[in-house]
Amino acid sequence: MKTPEYTFMCWPTLDMTFDIHANDGEEALKKLHALTDDIINECCAKLTAIGGIQGGADLPYITDIDDYEEDEDV
């Protein structure tokens, strides 16, 4: 087998958004954390188990704020 010429540092990403209804950004991020923390930690553990060596999940952040409107399916 030929020896590779390079080692590439590759970063997998998960780029998803959630619409969280809340009264302020802190409350929204707390709700998001409650919904996703276990899933993100499990994902990071699985990636470490297959050789992931750096990083982890970025901290959640808010990009947009809109006035509340009831969901159509409610």
N, C-alpha and C. Protein backbone atom coordinates (compact mmCIF):
# COMPACT_ATOMS: atom_id res chain seq x y z
N MET A 1 0.85 -1.19 0.00
CA MET A 1 0.00 0.00 0.00
C MET A 1 0.89 1.25 0.00
N LYS A 2 0.57 2.19 -0.85
CA LYS A 2 1.35 3.43 -0.96
C LYS A 2 1.08 4.33 0.25
N THR A 3 2.11 4.93 0.78
CA THR A 3 1.98 5.85 1.90
C THR A 3 1.32 7.14 1.42
N PRO A 4 0.30 7.63 2.14
CA PRO A 4 -0.34 8.89 1.75
C PRO A 4 0.65 10.05 1.80
N GLU A 5 0.41 11.06 0.98
CA GLU A 5 1.28 12.23 0.95
C GLU A 5 0.95 13.22 2.05
N TYR A 6 -0.30 13.28 2.47
CA TYR A 6 -0.75 14.34 3.39
C TYR A 6 -1.68 13.78 4.46
N THR A 7 -1.85 14.54 5.51
CA THR A 7 -2.90 14.33 6.50
C THR A 7 -3.77 15.57 6.50
N PHE A 8 -5.05 15.40 6.25
CA PHE A 8 -5.99 16.52 6.22
C PHE A 8 -6.77 16.57 7.52
N MET A 9 -6.81 17.73 8.17
CA MET A 9 -7.65 17.90 9.35
C MET A 9 -9.05 18.29 8.85
N CYS A 10 -10.00 17.40 9.01
CA CYS A 10 -11.36 17.59 8.49
C CYS A 10 -12.34 17.72 9.65
N TRP A 11 -13.26 18.67 9.55
CA TRP A 11 -14.20 18.97 10.63
C TRP A 11 -15.63 18.69 10.15
N PRO A 12 -16.28 17.65 10.69
CA PRO A 12 -17.69 17.46 10.34
C PRO A 12 -18.54 18.55 10.98
N THR A 13 -19.61 18.93 10.34
CA THR A 13 -20.48 19.95 10.91
C THR A 13 -21.93 19.51 10.84
N LEU A 14 -22.70 19.95 11.79
CA LEU A 14 -24.14 19.82 11.80
C LEU A 14 -24.69 21.24 11.86
N ASP A 15 -25.38 21.65 10.85
CA ASP A 15 -25.85 23.02 10.77
C ASP A 15 -27.37 22.99 10.68
N MET A 16 -28.04 23.13 11.82
CA MET A 16 -29.49 23.03 11.88
C MET A 16 -30.05 24.18 12.69
N THR A 17 -31.30 24.55 12.40
CA THR A 17 -31.94 25.58 13.20
C THR A 17 -33.23 25.05 13.80
N PHE A 18 -33.64 25.65 14.90
CA PHE A 18 -34.90 25.34 15.56
C PHE A 18 -35.61 26.66 15.83
N ASP A 19 -36.91 26.70 15.63
CA ASP A 19 -37.70 27.86 16.04
C ASP A 19 -38.11 27.63 17.48
N ILE A 20 -37.59 28.42 18.39
CA ILE A 20 -37.87 28.29 19.82
C ILE A 20 -38.68 29.50 20.25
N HIS A 21 -39.86 29.26 20.80
CA HIS A 21 -40.70 30.36 21.30
C HIS A 21 -40.27 30.68 22.73
N ALA A 22 -39.90 31.94 22.98
CA ALA A 22 -39.42 32.35 24.30
C ALA A 22 -39.59 33.86 24.44
N ASN A 23 -39.40 34.35 25.66
CA ASN A 23 -39.51 35.78 25.93
C ASN A 23 -38.20 36.53 25.77
N ASP A 24 -37.07 35.81 25.78
CA ASP A 24 -35.78 36.45 25.55
C ASP A 24 -34.79 35.40 25.07
N GLY A 25 -33.63 35.87 24.64
CA GLY A 25 -32.63 34.98 24.08
C GLY A 25 -32.10 33.95 25.06
N GLU A 26 -31.92 34.37 26.30
CA GLU A 26 -31.43 33.43 27.32
C GLU A 26 -32.40 32.27 27.50
N GLU A 27 -33.69 32.58 27.57
CA GLU A 27 -34.70 31.53 27.72
C GLU A 27 -34.71 30.62 26.49
N ALA A 28 -34.59 31.20 25.32
CA ALA A 28 -34.58 30.40 24.08
C ALA A 28 -33.40 29.43 24.08
N LEU A 29 -32.21 29.90 24.44
CA LEU A 29 -31.04 29.03 24.46
C LEU A 29 -31.16 27.95 25.53
N LYS A 30 -31.77 28.26 26.68
CA LYS A 30 -32.00 27.24 27.72
C LYS A 30 -32.93 26.15 27.20
N LYS A 31 -33.98 26.55 26.50
CA LYS A 31 -34.91 25.57 25.93
C LYS A 31 -34.20 24.70 24.88
N LEU A 32 -33.39 25.33 24.03
CA LEU A 32 -32.65 24.57 23.02
C LEU A 32 -31.71 23.59 23.69
N HIS A 33 -31.01 24.04 24.73
CA HIS A 33 -30.08 23.18 25.47
C HIS A 33 -30.82 21.95 26.02
N ALA A 34 -31.99 22.17 26.61
CA ALA A 34 -32.75 21.05 27.18
C ALA A 34 -33.16 20.05 26.10
N LEU A 35 -33.46 20.55 24.92
CA LEU A 35 -33.89 19.67 23.83
C LEU A 35 -32.74 18.89 23.19
N THR A 36 -31.56 19.49 23.15
CA THR A 36 -30.50 18.92 22.31
C THR A 36 -29.24 18.46 23.02
N ASP A 37 -29.03 18.83 24.26
CA ASP A 37 -27.76 18.57 24.93
C ASP A 37 -27.39 17.09 24.94
N ASP A 38 -28.31 16.21 25.31
CA ASP A 38 -28.00 14.78 25.36
C ASP A 38 -27.64 14.24 23.97
N ILE A 39 -28.35 14.69 22.96
CA ILE A 39 -28.09 14.23 21.59
C ILE A 39 -26.71 14.70 21.14
N ILE A 40 -26.37 15.95 21.40
CA ILE A 40 -25.07 16.49 20.99
C ILE A 40 -23.94 15.77 21.72
N ASN A 41 -24.09 15.55 23.01
CA ASN A 41 -23.05 14.84 23.77
C ASN A 41 -22.86 13.42 23.26
N GLU A 42 -23.95 12.74 22.94
CA GLU A 42 -23.86 11.37 22.41
C GLU A 42 -23.15 11.37 21.05
N CYS A 43 -23.49 12.33 20.22
CA CYS A 43 -22.85 12.44 18.91
C CYS A 43 -21.35 12.68 19.06
N CYS A 44 -20.96 13.59 19.94
CA CYS A 44 -19.54 13.87 20.17
C CYS A 44 -18.81 12.63 20.68
N ALA A 45 -19.45 11.88 21.57
CA ALA A 45 -18.83 10.66 22.10
C ALA A 45 -18.63 9.63 20.99
N LYS A 46 -19.60 9.50 20.11
CA LYS A 46 -19.48 8.54 19.00
C LYS A 46 -18.38 8.98 18.03
N LEU A 47 -18.28 10.27 17.76
CA LEU A 47 -17.22 10.75 16.87
C LEU A 47 -15.84 10.56 17.48
N THR A 48 -15.73 10.74 18.80
CA THR A 48 -14.46 10.49 19.49
C THR A 48 -14.10 9.01 19.40
N ALA A 49 -15.10 8.13 19.52
CA ALA A 49 -14.87 6.69 19.48
C ALA A 49 -14.33 6.23 18.12
N ILE A 50 -14.63 6.96 17.05
CA ILE A 50 -14.12 6.56 15.74
C ILE A 50 -12.90 7.37 15.31
N GLY A 51 -12.31 8.12 16.25
CA GLY A 51 -11.05 8.78 15.97
C GLY A 51 -11.06 10.29 16.04
N GLY A 52 -12.20 10.89 16.33
CA GLY A 52 -12.22 12.35 16.49
C GLY A 52 -11.32 12.75 17.64
N ILE A 53 -10.48 13.76 17.43
CA ILE A 53 -9.47 14.07 18.45
C ILE A 53 -9.51 15.50 18.95
N GLN A 54 -10.21 16.39 18.27
CA GLN A 54 -10.22 17.79 18.69
C GLN A 54 -11.64 18.31 18.58
N GLY A 55 -11.86 19.44 19.22
CA GLY A 55 -13.13 20.13 19.04
C GLY A 55 -14.23 19.62 19.93
N GLY A 56 -15.38 19.55 19.39
CA GLY A 56 -16.62 19.23 20.07
C GLY A 56 -17.69 20.06 19.41
N ALA A 57 -18.78 20.26 20.06
CA ALA A 57 -19.86 21.05 19.48
C ALA A 57 -19.66 22.53 19.82
N ASP A 58 -19.91 23.38 18.84
CA ASP A 58 -19.88 24.81 19.11
C ASP A 58 -21.03 25.18 20.03
N LEU A 59 -20.90 26.28 20.74
CA LEU A 59 -21.99 26.76 21.58
C LEU A 59 -23.15 27.22 20.70
N PRO A 60 -24.38 26.99 21.13
CA PRO A 60 -25.51 27.46 20.34
C PRO A 60 -25.57 28.99 20.33
N TYR A 61 -26.17 29.52 19.29
CA TYR A 61 -26.29 30.96 19.17
C TYR A 61 -27.59 31.31 18.46
N ILE A 62 -27.96 32.57 18.50
CA ILE A 62 -29.19 33.06 17.89
C ILE A 62 -28.81 33.93 16.70
N THR A 63 -29.50 33.71 15.56
CA THR A 63 -29.23 34.54 14.39
C THR A 63 -30.37 35.49 14.05
N ASP A 64 -31.61 35.10 14.33
CA ASP A 64 -32.76 35.92 13.96
C ASP A 64 -33.78 35.93 15.09
N ILE A 65 -34.52 37.01 15.19
CA ILE A 65 -35.61 37.13 16.15
C ILE A 65 -36.82 37.68 15.41
N ASP A 66 -37.95 37.00 15.53
CA ASP A 66 -39.20 37.45 14.92
C ASP A 66 -40.27 37.55 16.00
N ASP A 67 -41.27 38.40 15.77
CA ASP A 67 -42.42 38.43 16.67
C ASP A 67 -43.11 37.08 16.65
N TYR A 68 -43.65 36.67 17.80
CA TYR A 68 -44.31 35.38 17.91
C TYR A 68 -45.58 35.33 17.09
N GLU A 69 -45.74 34.25 16.33
CA GLU A 69 -46.99 33.95 15.65
C GLU A 69 -47.27 32.49 15.92
N GLU A 70 -48.53 32.20 16.26
CA GLU A 70 -48.88 30.81 16.57
C GLU A 70 -48.56 29.91 15.38
N ASP A 71 -48.12 28.71 15.70
CA ASP A 71 -47.87 27.73 14.64
C ASP A 71 -49.18 27.38 13.97
N GLU A 72 -49.11 27.12 12.66
CA GLU A 72 -50.33 26.83 11.90
C GLU A 72 -50.97 25.53 12.34
N ASP A 73 -50.18 24.56 12.82
CA ASP A 73 -50.74 23.26 13.17
C ASP A 73 -51.24 23.18 14.61
N VAL A 74 -51.25 24.29 15.34
CA VAL A 74 -51.71 24.29 16.74
C VAL A 74 -53.19 24.53 16.79
